[in-house]
Amino acid sequence: MNSEQQLFDETPLRRFEYEDGVVLAADVGAADDASVDVVDGTVIVVRDDEQYERELPEAAEARAFINNGVLTIEVSDEESDI
C-alpha cells in the first residue's frame, strides 16, 4: 500500500507500508550538497543551505539516506503513525 503526503516545503512524500515497517520516499533533487541524518527521533535534511526537519514517533527506529536525489526514510516500527 502507498499513499502521498507532503514532506518539507511542498515536496511530495510517498509512503509505502510493509509488514515490518514503513518506507517514506521523496525526490529532493540532485543537489551535490544534500545530506540527511536521524537525530533523537528527528529526520534532518540539509539541502541548498536550507534545513528541514520531520519528527518521528518515539518508538520508531529509523534510518535515512539520499541516493541520486531520492530521500528514503525506513522506519522499522510498523505501528508508527508517520
PDB file of N, CA and C in Angstrom:
ATOM      1  N   MET A   1       0.842  -1.164   0.000  1.00  0.00           N
ATOM      2  CA  MET A   1       0.000   0.000   0.000  1.00  0.00           C
ATOM      3  C   MET A   1       0.889   1.229   0.000  1.00  0.00           C
ATOM      4  N   ASN A   2       0.491   2.254  -0.711  1.00  0.00           N
ATOM      5  CA  ASN A   2       1.238   3.502  -0.659  1.00  0.00           C
ATOM      6  C   ASN A   2       0.275   4.660  -0.665  1.00  0.00           C
ATOM      7  N   SER A   3       0.733   5.778  -0.207  1.00  0.00           N
ATOM      8  CA  SER A   3      -0.066   6.999  -0.194  1.00  0.00           C
ATOM      9  C   SER A   3       0.885   8.172  -0.378  1.00  0.00           C
ATOM     10  N   GLU A   4       0.320   9.329  -0.620  1.00  0.00           N
ATOM     11  CA  GLU A   4       1.156  10.506  -0.853  1.00  0.00           C
ATOM     12  C   GLU A   4       0.844  11.572   0.183  1.00  0.00           C
ATOM     13  N   GLN A   5       1.896  12.207   0.728  1.00  0.00           N
ATOM     14  CA  GLN A   5       1.790  13.264   1.721  1.00  0.00           C
ATOM     15  C   GLN A   5       2.724  14.391   1.311  1.00  0.00           C
ATOM     16  N   GLN A   6       2.894  15.361   2.169  1.00  0.00           N
ATOM     17  CA  GLN A   6       3.869  16.430   1.959  1.00  0.00           C
ATOM     18  C   GLN A   6       5.063  16.167   2.874  1.00  0.00           C
ATOM     19  N   LEU A   7       6.243  16.438   2.365  1.00  0.00           N
ATOM     20  CA  LEU A   7       7.442  16.311   3.181  1.00  0.00           C
ATOM     21  C   LEU A   7       7.720  17.660   3.814  1.00  0.00           C
ATOM     22  N   PHE A   8       8.723  18.324   3.358  1.00  0.00           N
ATOM     23  CA  PHE A   8       9.073  19.649   3.812  1.00  0.00           C
ATOM     24  C   PHE A   8       8.571  20.579   2.713  1.00  0.00           C
ATOM     25  N   ASP A   9       8.731  21.817   2.792  1.00  0.00           N
ATOM     26  CA  ASP A   9       8.236  22.787   1.804  1.00  0.00           C
ATOM     27  C   ASP A   9       7.065  22.171   1.036  1.00  0.00           C
ATOM     28  N   GLU A  10       7.104  21.926  -0.233  1.00  0.00           N
ATOM     29  CA  GLU A  10       5.992  21.313  -0.958  1.00  0.00           C
ATOM     30  C   GLU A  10       6.421  20.042  -1.687  1.00  0.00           C
ATOM     31  N   THR A  11       7.445  19.387  -1.173  1.00  0.00           N
ATOM     32  CA  THR A  11       7.963  18.172  -1.786  1.00  0.00           C
ATOM     33  C   THR A  11       7.014  17.011  -1.510  1.00  0.00           C
ATOM     34  N   PRO A  12       6.504  16.348  -2.561  1.00  0.00           N
ATOM     35  CA  PRO A  12       5.631  15.185  -2.347  1.00  0.00           C
ATOM     36  C   PRO A  12       6.391  14.053  -1.661  1.00  0.00           C
ATOM     37  N   LEU A  13       5.727  13.389  -0.749  1.00  0.00           N
ATOM     38  CA  LEU A  13       6.308  12.293   0.018  1.00  0.00           C
ATOM     39  C   LEU A  13       5.442  11.064  -0.196  1.00  0.00           C
ATOM     40  N   ARG A  14       6.043   9.980  -0.651  1.00  0.00           N
ATOM     41  CA  ARG A  14       5.307   8.728  -0.842  1.00  0.00           C
ATOM     42  C   ARG A  14       5.518   7.846   0.373  1.00  0.00           C
ATOM     43  N   ARG A  15       4.470   7.186   0.787  1.00  0.00           N
ATOM     44  CA  ARG A  15       4.506   6.293   1.950  1.00  0.00           C
ATOM     45  C   ARG A  15       4.192   4.878   1.476  1.00  0.00           C
ATOM     46  N   PHE A  16       5.078   3.942   1.808  1.00  0.00           N
ATOM     47  CA  PHE A  16       4.889   2.540   1.466  1.00  0.00           C
ATOM     48  C   PHE A  16       4.844   1.742   2.759  1.00  0.00           C
ATOM     49  N   GLU A  17       3.757   1.025   2.997  1.00  0.00           N
ATOM     50  CA  GLU A  17       3.598   0.245   4.218  1.00  0.00           C
ATOM     51  C   GLU A  17       3.895  -1.220   3.932  1.00  0.00           C
ATOM     52  N   TYR A  18       4.710  -1.815   4.804  1.00  0.00           N
ATOM     53  CA  TYR A  18       5.071  -3.219   4.714  1.00  0.00           C
ATOM     54  C   TYR A  18       4.788  -3.884   6.050  1.00  0.00           C
ATOM     55  N   GLU A  19       4.860  -5.201   6.100  1.00  0.00           N
ATOM     56  CA  GLU A  19       4.596  -5.920   7.344  1.00  0.00           C
ATOM     57  C   GLU A  19       5.528  -5.515   8.470  1.00  0.00           C
ATOM     58  N   ASP A  20       6.778  -5.221   8.152  1.00  0.00           N
ATOM     59  CA  ASP A  20       7.770  -4.933   9.189  1.00  0.00           C
ATOM     60  C   ASP A  20       8.120  -3.460   9.322  1.00  0.00           C
ATOM     61  N   GLY A  21       7.382  -2.578   8.663  1.00  0.00           N
ATOM     62  CA  GLY A  21       7.667  -1.158   8.816  1.00  0.00           C
ATOM     63  C   GLY A  21       7.104  -0.310   7.703  1.00  0.00           C
ATOM     64  N   VAL A  22       7.586   0.913   7.649  1.00  0.00           N
ATOM     65  CA  VAL A  22       7.119   1.909   6.697  1.00  0.00           C
ATOM     66  C   VAL A  22       8.330   2.514   6.002  1.00  0.00           C
ATOM     67  N   VAL A  23       8.199   2.769   4.706  1.00  0.00           N
ATOM     68  CA  VAL A  23       9.240   3.461   3.955  1.00  0.00           C
ATOM     69  C   VAL A  23       8.633   4.732   3.392  1.00  0.00           C
ATOM     70  N   LEU A  24       9.307   5.858   3.648  1.00  0.00           N
ATOM     71  CA  LEU A  24       8.916   7.143   3.094  1.00  0.00           C
ATOM     72  C   LEU A  24       9.949   7.529   2.055  1.00  0.00           C
ATOM     73  N   ALA A  25       9.493   8.024   0.896  1.00  0.00           N
ATOM     74  CA  ALA A  25      10.425   8.386  -0.176  1.00  0.00           C
ATOM     75  C   ALA A  25       9.995   9.708  -0.795  1.00  0.00           C
ATOM     76  N   ALA A  26      10.985  10.542  -1.115  1.00  0.00           N
ATOM     77  CA  ALA A  26      10.721  11.837  -1.735  1.00  0.00           C
ATOM     78  C   ALA A  26      11.861  12.201  -2.664  1.00  0.00           C
ATOM     79  N   ASP A  27      11.531  12.823  -3.773  1.00  0.00           N
ATOM     80  CA  ASP A  27      12.538  13.313  -4.711  1.00  0.00           C
ATOM     81  C   ASP A  27      12.936  14.713  -4.253  1.00  0.00           C
ATOM     82  N   VAL A  28      14.133  14.825  -3.695  1.00  0.00           N
ATOM     83  CA  VAL A  28      14.595  16.117  -3.181  1.00  0.00           C
ATOM     84  C   VAL A  28      15.543  16.815  -4.146  1.00  0.00           C
ATOM     85  N   GLY A  29      15.735  16.221  -5.311  1.00  0.00           N
ATOM     86  CA  GLY A  29      16.602  16.845  -6.310  1.00  0.00           C
ATOM     87  C   GLY A  29      18.042  16.387  -6.156  1.00  0.00           C
ATOM     88  N   ALA A  30      18.773  16.549  -7.209  1.00  0.00           N
ATOM     89  CA  ALA A  30      20.157  16.071  -7.249  1.00  0.00           C
ATOM     90  C   ALA A  30      21.150  17.125  -6.798  1.00  0.00           C
ATOM     91  N   ALA A  31      20.917  17.729  -5.663  1.00  0.00           N
ATOM     92  CA  ALA A  31      21.860  18.709  -5.124  1.00  0.00           C
ATOM     93  C   ALA A  31      23.100  17.986  -4.605  1.00  0.00           C
ATOM     94  N   ASP A  32      24.261  18.466  -4.977  1.00  0.00           N
ATOM     95  CA  ASP A  32      25.507  17.839  -4.546  1.00  0.00           C
ATOM     96  C   ASP A  32      25.728  17.952  -3.045  1.00  0.00           C
ATOM     97  N   ASP A  33      25.136  18.962  -2.434  1.00  0.00           N
ATOM     98  CA  ASP A  33      25.389  19.192  -1.025  1.00  0.00           C
ATOM     99  C   ASP A  33      24.243  18.729  -0.125  1.00  0.00           C
ATOM    100  N   ALA A  34      23.311  17.927  -0.618  1.00  0.00           N
ATOM    101  CA  ALA A  34      22.205  17.445   0.200  1.00  0.00           C
ATOM    102  C   ALA A  34      22.697  16.357   1.152  1.00  0.00           C
ATOM    103  N   SER A  35      22.199  16.395   2.389  1.00  0.00           N
ATOM    104  CA  SER A  35      22.548  15.375   3.366  1.00  0.00           C
ATOM    105  C   SER A  35      21.358  15.128   4.282  1.00  0.00           C
ATOM    106  N   VAL A  36      21.356  13.970   4.911  1.00  0.00           N
ATOM    107  CA  VAL A  36      20.268  13.609   5.822  1.00  0.00           C
ATOM    108  C   VAL A  36      20.841  12.868   7.013  1.00  0.00           C
ATOM    109  N   ASP A  37      20.189  13.021   8.160  1.00  0.00           N
ATOM    110  CA  ASP A  37      20.591  12.316   9.366  1.00  0.00           C
ATOM    111  C   ASP A  37      19.359  12.148  10.240  1.00  0.00           C
ATOM    112  N   VAL A  38      19.385  11.152  11.118  1.00  0.00           N
ATOM    113  CA  VAL A  38      18.332  10.949  12.104  1.00  0.00           C
ATOM    114  C   VAL A  38      18.955  11.197  13.466  1.00  0.00           C
ATOM    115  N   VAL A  39      18.421  12.178  14.188  1.00  0.00           N
ATOM    116  CA  VAL A  39      18.956  12.557  15.496  1.00  0.00           C
ATOM    117  C   VAL A  39      17.801  12.659  16.486  1.00  0.00           C
ATOM    118  N   ASP A  40      17.857  11.852  17.547  1.00  0.00           N
ATOM    119  CA  ASP A  40      16.849  11.893  18.610  1.00  0.00           C
ATOM    120  C   ASP A  40      15.420  11.873  18.070  1.00  0.00           C
ATOM    121  N   GLY A  41      15.131  10.983  17.133  1.00  0.00           N
ATOM    122  CA  GLY A  41      13.775  10.845  16.623  1.00  0.00           C
ATOM    123  C   GLY A  41      13.348  11.906  15.633  1.00  0.00           C
ATOM    124  N   THR A  42      14.303  12.637  15.094  1.00  0.00           N
ATOM    125  CA  THR A  42      14.011  13.672  14.099  1.00  0.00           C
ATOM    126  C   THR A  42      14.856  13.433  12.860  1.00  0.00           C
ATOM    127  N   VAL A  43      14.201  13.444  11.691  1.00  0.00           N
ATOM    128  CA  VAL A  43      14.925  13.362  10.431  1.00  0.00           C
ATOM    129  C   VAL A  43      15.291  14.788  10.042  1.00  0.00           C
ATOM    130  N   ILE A  44      16.576  15.025   9.796  1.00  0.00           N
ATOM    131  CA  ILE A  44      17.062  16.356   9.437  1.00  0.00           C
ATOM    132  C   ILE A  44      17.668  16.291   8.041  1.00  0.00           C
ATOM    133  N   VAL A  45      17.139  17.098   7.142  1.00  0.00           N
ATOM    134  CA  VAL A  45      17.637  17.166   5.770  1.00  0.00           C
ATOM    135  C   VAL A  45      18.206  18.558   5.543  1.00  0.00           C
ATOM    136  N   VAL A  46      19.426  18.624   5.029  1.00  0.00           N
ATOM    137  CA  VAL A  46      20.046  19.903   4.674  1.00  0.00           C
ATOM    138  C   VAL A  46      20.260  19.882   3.169  1.00  0.00           C
ATOM    139  N   ARG A  47      19.708  20.905   2.493  1.00  0.00           N
ATOM    140  CA  ARG A  47      19.793  20.992   1.036  1.00  0.00           C
ATOM    141  C   ARG A  47      19.826  22.461   0.643  1.00  0.00           C
ATOM    142  N   ASP A  48      20.796  22.825  -0.175  1.00  0.00           N
ATOM    143  CA  ASP A  48      20.905  24.199  -0.682  1.00  0.00           C
ATOM    144  C   ASP A  48      20.824  25.238   0.432  1.00  0.00           C
ATOM    145  N   ASP A  49      21.610  25.052   1.489  1.00  0.00           N
ATOM    146  CA  ASP A  49      21.665  25.973   2.629  1.00  0.00           C
ATOM    147  C   ASP A  49      20.348  26.099   3.389  1.00  0.00           C
ATOM    148  N   GLU A  50      19.413  25.180   3.186  1.00  0.00           N
ATOM    149  CA  GLU A  50      18.148  25.143   3.918  1.00  0.00           C
ATOM    150  C   GLU A  50      18.130  23.878   4.759  1.00  0.00           C
ATOM    151  N   GLN A  51      17.561  23.962   5.965  1.00  0.00           N
ATOM    152  CA  GLN A  51      17.433  22.796   6.827  1.00  0.00           C
ATOM    153  C   GLN A  51      15.960  22.495   7.049  1.00  0.00           C
ATOM    154  N   TYR A  52      15.592  21.227   6.906  1.00  0.00           N
ATOM    155  CA  TYR A  52      14.216  20.780   7.097  1.00  0.00           C
ATOM    156  C   TYR A  52      14.218  19.670   8.130  1.00  0.00           C
ATOM    157  N   GLU A  53      13.170  19.624   8.955  1.00  0.00           N
ATOM    158  CA  GLU A  53      13.083  18.606   9.992  1.00  0.00           C
ATOM    159  C   GLU A  53      11.707  17.968   9.982  1.00  0.00           C
ATOM    160  N   ARG A  54      11.675  16.671  10.304  1.00  0.00           N
ATOM    161  CA  ARG A  54      10.413  15.948  10.439  1.00  0.00           C
ATOM    162  C   ARG A  54      10.536  15.027  11.647  1.00  0.00           C
ATOM    163  N   GLU A  55       9.608  15.168  12.573  1.00  0.00           N
ATOM    164  CA  GLU A  55       9.607  14.343  13.777  1.00  0.00           C
ATOM    165  C   GLU A  55       9.105  12.938  13.443  1.00  0.00           C
ATOM    166  N   LEU A  56       9.661  11.955  14.122  1.00  0.00           N
ATOM    167  CA  LEU A  56       9.213  10.575  14.024  1.00  0.00           C
ATOM    168  C   LEU A  56       8.587  10.176  15.348  1.00  0.00           C
ATOM    169  N   PRO A  57       7.698   9.181  15.344  1.00  0.00           N
ATOM    170  CA  PRO A  57       7.134   8.701  16.615  1.00  0.00           C
ATOM    171  C   PRO A  57       8.238   8.215  17.546  1.00  0.00           C
ATOM    172  N   GLU A  58       8.018   8.338  18.854  1.00  0.00           N
ATOM    173  CA  GLU A  58       9.056   7.999  19.837  1.00  0.00           C
ATOM    174  C   GLU A  58       9.534   6.561  19.743  1.00  0.00           C
ATOM    175  N   ALA A  59       8.639   5.630  19.480  1.00  0.00           N
ATOM    176  CA  ALA A  59       9.014   4.213  19.467  1.00  0.00           C
ATOM    177  C   ALA A  59       9.682   3.789  18.163  1.00  0.00           C
ATOM    178  N   ALA A  60       9.720   4.660  17.204  1.00  0.00           N
ATOM    179  CA  ALA A  60      10.220   4.292  15.886  1.00  0.00           C
ATOM    180  C   ALA A  60      11.737   4.224  15.847  1.00  0.00           C
ATOM    181  N   GLU A  61      12.243   3.202  15.177  1.00  0.00           N
ATOM    182  CA  GLU A  61      13.665   3.114  14.860  1.00  0.00           C
ATOM    183  C   GLU A  61      13.777   3.420  13.382  1.00  0.00           C
ATOM    184  N   ALA A  62      14.598   4.396  13.027  1.00  0.00           N
ATOM    185  CA  ALA A  62      14.650   4.819  11.627  1.00  0.00           C
ATOM    186  C   ALA A  62      16.077   4.979  11.143  1.00  0.00           C
ATOM    187  N   ARG A  63      16.208   4.840   9.831  1.00  0.00           N
ATOM    188  CA  ARG A  63      17.450   5.205   9.159  1.00  0.00           C
ATOM    189  C   ARG A  63      17.051   5.945   7.908  1.00  0.00           C
ATOM    190  N   ALA A  64      17.887   6.875   7.499  1.00  0.00           N
ATOM    191  CA  ALA A  64      17.574   7.709   6.337  1.00  0.00           C
ATOM    192  C   ALA A  64      18.821   7.875   5.484  1.00  0.00           C
ATOM    193  N   PHE A  65      18.595   7.992   4.174  1.00  0.00           N
ATOM    194  CA  PHE A  65      19.708   8.200   3.255  1.00  0.00           C
ATOM    195  C   PHE A  65      19.193   8.865   1.989  1.00  0.00           C
ATOM    196  N   ILE A  66      20.112   9.474   1.239  1.00  0.00           N
ATOM    197  CA  ILE A  66      19.799  10.091  -0.047  1.00  0.00           C
ATOM    198  C   ILE A  66      20.672   9.413  -1.099  1.00  0.00           C
ATOM    199  N   ASN A  67      20.026   8.966  -2.172  1.00  0.00           N
ATOM    200  CA  ASN A  67      20.735   8.325  -3.263  1.00  0.00           C
ATOM    201  C   ASN A  67      20.154   8.851  -4.572  1.00  0.00           C
ATOM    202  N   ASN A  68      20.986   9.475  -5.383  1.00  0.00           N
ATOM    203  CA  ASN A  68      20.556  10.047  -6.670  1.00  0.00           C
ATOM    204  C   ASN A  68      19.374  10.999  -6.519  1.00  0.00           C
ATOM    205  N   GLY A  69      19.369  11.781  -5.468  1.00  0.00           N
ATOM    206  CA  GLY A  69      18.335  12.786  -5.268  1.00  0.00           C
ATOM    207  C   GLY A  69      17.048  12.272  -4.658  1.00  0.00           C
ATOM    208  N   VAL A  70      17.006  10.994  -4.264  1.00  0.00           N
ATOM    209  CA  VAL A  70      15.814  10.436  -3.638  1.00  0.00           C
ATOM    210  C   VAL A  70      16.092  10.213  -2.151  1.00  0.00           C
ATOM    211  N   LEU A  71      15.306  10.887  -1.331  1.00  0.00           N
ATOM    212  CA  LEU A  71      15.392  10.724   0.118  1.00  0.00           C
ATOM    213  C   LEU A  71      14.555   9.511   0.507  1.00  0.00           C
ATOM    214  N   THR A  72      15.161   8.587   1.259  1.00  0.00           N
ATOM    215  CA  THR A  72      14.445   7.405   1.742  1.00  0.00           C
ATOM    216  C   THR A  72      14.572   7.357   3.254  1.00  0.00           C
ATOM    217  N   ILE A  73      13.426   7.198   3.918  1.00  0.00           N
ATOM    218  CA  ILE A  73      13.388   7.061   5.373  1.00  0.00           C
ATOM    219  C   ILE A  73      12.739   5.716   5.660  1.00  0.00           C
ATOM    220  N   GLU A  74      13.481   4.812   6.276  1.00  0.00           N
ATOM    221  CA  GLU A  74      12.976   3.491   6.618  1.00  0.00           C
ATOM    222  C   GLU A  74      12.684   3.470   8.117  1.00  0.00           C
ATOM    223  N   VAL A  75      11.430   3.185   8.461  1.00  0.00           N
ATOM    224  CA  VAL A  75      11.003   3.152   9.860  1.00  0.00           C
ATOM    225  C   VAL A  75      10.604   1.724  10.184  1.00  0.00           C
ATOM    226  N   SER A  76      11.258   1.113  11.161  1.00  0.00           N
ATOM    227  CA  SER A  76      11.063  -0.304  11.437  1.00  0.00           C
ATOM    228  C   SER A  76       9.866  -0.598  12.324  1.00  0.00           C
ATOM    229  N   ASP A  77       9.282   0.362  12.956  1.00  0.00           N
ATOM    230  CA  ASP A  77       8.135   0.146  13.839  1.00  0.00           C
ATOM    231  C   ASP A  77       6.865   0.230  13.022  1.00  0.00           C
ATOM    232  N   GLU A  78       6.209  -0.900  12.752  1.00  0.00           N
ATOM    233  CA  GLU A  78       5.042  -0.915  11.887  1.00  0.00           C
ATOM    234  C   GLU A  78       3.841  -0.188  12.496  1.00  0.00           C
ATOM    235  N   GLU A  79       3.835   0.036  13.789  1.00  0.00           N
ATOM    236  CA  GLU A  79       2.718   0.722  14.438  1.00  0.00           C
ATOM    237  C   GLU A  79       2.870   2.238  14.378  1.00  0.00           C
ATOM    238  N   SER A  80       3.935   2.715  13.791  1.00  0.00           N
ATOM    239  CA  SER A  80       4.218   4.152  13.755  1.00  0.00           C
ATOM    240  C   SER A  80       3.186   4.913  12.952  1.00  0.00           C
ATOM    241  N   ASP A  81       2.792   6.044  13.463  1.00  0.00           N
ATOM    242  CA  ASP A  81       1.864   6.935  12.765  1.00  0.00           C
ATOM    243  C   ASP A  81       2.661   8.100  12.204  1.00  0.00           C
ATOM    244  N   ILE A  82       3.225   7.895  11.030  1.00  0.00           N
ATOM    245  CA  ILE A  82       4.072   8.903  10.408  1.00  0.00           C
ATOM    246  C   ILE A  82       3.262   9.692   9.419  1.00  0.00           C
TER     247      ILE A  82
END
